[in-house]
Amino acid sequence: ITAYFPDTVKLPVDLLKKLPGMRGEQKNVRREDLENIMQTMKDTDKLPLTPSGKEYAPFVQVAWNGEAWVNEGNHRIMAADALGWEYLPVELRYYDGGERVESGALYPQKVGLNETLTGGEG
């Protein structure tokens, strides 16, 4: 990891839903899981909770070349999109200098992330 935000950051769902899953998860949707997640999010206006009570934010990674993908949380992103959510909190990590690739989909300044990066150029 060369840079990350210490807390979750809010990113537009319209942007997140365009990111590929690490293993092509968008092509293998578990419908029952998606429906359960959607129901929880609809009932609580939050992401499902972790055992410690925090919202279970999707985990997004950015590679050295600026390429971004969803490592964990594809179903939560799909649920947020189906429910019409505009933004979603995510954990965002950059690897091997990916935070410096201005053409990358998640270049910090490009997506309005003015928070301070830890370890990066932010």
Protein backbone atom coordinates (compact mmCIF):
# COMPACT_ATOMS: atom_id res chain seq x y z
CA ILE A 1 0.00 0.00 0.00
CA THR A 2 1.44 3.35 -1.01
CA ALA A 3 -1.53 5.49 0.03
CA TYR A 4 -4.92 5.24 1.69
CA PHE A 5 -7.53 7.29 3.46
CA PRO A 6 -7.60 6.51 7.20
CA ASP A 7 -11.42 6.53 7.22
CA THR A 8 -13.98 5.50 4.66
CA VAL A 9 -14.63 7.96 1.85
CA LYS A 10 -17.91 8.56 0.06
CA LEU A 11 -17.87 7.86 -3.66
CA PRO A 12 -20.68 8.14 -6.21
CA VAL A 13 -22.54 4.87 -6.72
CA ASP A 14 -22.65 5.64 -10.46
CA LEU A 15 -18.85 5.48 -10.48
CA LEU A 16 -18.56 2.45 -8.21
CA LYS A 17 -20.99 0.35 -10.25
CA LYS A 18 -18.70 0.74 -13.29
CA LEU A 19 -15.70 -0.76 -11.51
CA PRO A 20 -15.08 -4.42 -12.21
CA GLY A 21 -15.11 -6.98 -9.46
CA MET A 22 -11.77 -8.56 -8.69
CA ARG A 23 -13.05 -11.93 -9.91
CA GLY A 24 -15.82 -10.88 -12.30
CA GLU A 25 -18.46 -10.93 -9.57
CA GLN A 26 -20.90 -8.85 -11.61
CA LYS A 27 -21.31 -11.88 -13.88
CA ASN A 28 -22.08 -14.21 -10.97
CA VAL A 29 -24.65 -12.37 -8.85
CA ARG A 30 -25.97 -14.34 -5.89
CA ARG A 31 -29.61 -13.17 -6.14
CA GLU A 32 -30.66 -14.26 -2.65
CA ASP A 33 -27.68 -12.49 -1.06
CA LEU A 34 -28.40 -9.37 -3.11
CA GLU A 35 -32.05 -9.36 -2.05
CA ASN A 36 -31.13 -9.80 1.64
CA ILE A 37 -28.58 -7.00 1.48
CA MET A 38 -31.06 -4.72 -0.29
CA GLN A 39 -33.69 -5.40 2.37
CA THR A 40 -31.26 -4.59 5.18
CA MET A 41 -30.14 -1.40 3.46
CA LYS A 42 -33.73 -0.38 2.72
CA ASP A 43 -34.84 -1.01 6.32
CA THR A 44 -31.89 0.74 8.00
CA ASP A 45 -30.66 3.28 5.42
CA LYS A 46 -27.20 1.85 6.15
CA LEU A 47 -24.91 -0.82 4.85
CA PRO A 48 -25.05 -4.15 6.67
CA LEU A 49 -23.14 -3.95 9.94
CA THR A 50 -19.95 -5.76 10.91
CA PRO A 51 -19.86 -7.70 14.21
CA SER A 52 -18.33 -4.58 15.82
CA GLY A 53 -21.30 -2.47 14.71
CA LYS A 54 -19.62 -0.51 11.91
CA GLU A 55 -21.09 -0.29 8.43
CA TYR A 56 -19.49 -2.95 6.22
CA ALA A 57 -18.06 -0.67 3.54
CA PRO A 58 -16.95 -2.06 0.18
CA PHE A 59 -13.19 -2.36 -0.30
CA VAL A 60 -11.78 -0.81 -3.48
CA GLN A 61 -8.20 -1.12 -4.68
CA VAL A 62 -6.24 0.94 -7.19
CA ALA A 63 -3.21 -0.56 -8.95
CA TRP A 64 0.06 1.08 -10.00
CA ASN A 65 -1.44 2.03 -13.39
CA GLY A 66 -4.56 3.68 -11.93
CA GLU A 67 -6.80 0.71 -12.70
CA ALA A 68 -9.43 0.31 -9.99
CA TRP A 69 -11.51 -2.70 -8.99
CA VAL A 70 -13.83 -3.82 -6.21
CA ASN A 71 -12.07 -6.34 -4.02
CA GLU A 72 -15.03 -6.82 -1.67
CA GLY A 73 -18.54 -5.38 -1.80
CA ASN A 74 -19.96 -5.86 -5.29
CA HIS A 75 -23.37 -6.91 -3.97
CA ARG A 76 -23.52 -3.91 -1.62
CA ILE A 77 -22.76 -1.61 -4.54
CA MET A 78 -25.45 -3.29 -6.67
CA ALA A 79 -27.93 -2.95 -3.81
CA ALA A 80 -27.12 0.74 -3.34
CA ASP A 81 -27.63 1.30 -7.06
CA ALA A 82 -30.96 -0.55 -7.08
CA LEU A 83 -32.12 1.49 -4.07
CA GLY A 84 -31.16 4.77 -5.73
CA TRP A 85 -28.39 5.72 -3.32
CA GLU A 86 -26.14 8.45 -4.70
CA TYR A 87 -23.06 7.84 -2.54
CA LEU A 88 -21.57 4.94 -0.67
CA PRO A 89 -18.81 4.82 1.95
CA VAL A 90 -15.86 2.72 0.79
CA GLU A 91 -12.43 1.73 2.03
CA LEU A 92 -9.99 2.88 -0.64
CA ARG A 93 -6.38 1.71 -0.95
CA TYR A 94 -3.76 2.58 -3.55
CA TYR A 95 -0.88 0.28 -4.46
CA ASP A 96 2.52 0.97 -6.02
CA GLY A 97 1.80 4.65 -6.66
CA GLY A 98 -1.68 4.30 -8.14
CA GLU A 99 -2.70 7.46 -6.29
CA ARG A 100 -0.49 9.49 -8.67
CA VAL A 101 -2.07 8.32 -11.95
CA GLU A 102 -4.14 11.32 -13.03
CA SER A 103 -5.95 9.36 -15.74
CA GLY A 104 -7.10 6.73 -13.22
CA ALA A 105 -10.80 6.43 -12.45
CA LEU A 106 -10.12 7.06 -8.74
CA TYR A 107 -7.38 9.66 -8.92
CA PRO A 108 -8.15 11.47 -5.63
CA GLN A 109 -8.61 15.00 -6.98
CA LYS A 110 -10.60 13.72 -9.98
CA VAL A 111 -13.30 12.25 -7.74
CA GLY A 112 -13.35 15.14 -5.27
CA LEU A 113 -11.38 13.46 -2.51
CA ASN A 114 -9.71 16.38 -0.83
CA GLU A 115 -9.12 14.49 2.41
CA THR A 116 -5.51 13.81 3.26
CA LEU A 117 -4.04 10.59 1.99
CA THR A 118 -1.85 8.67 4.39
CA GLY A 119 1.45 7.73 2.80
CA GLY A 120 0.70 9.22 -0.61
CA GLU A 121 1.09 12.52 -2.34
CA GLY A 122 -2.28 13.78 -1.03
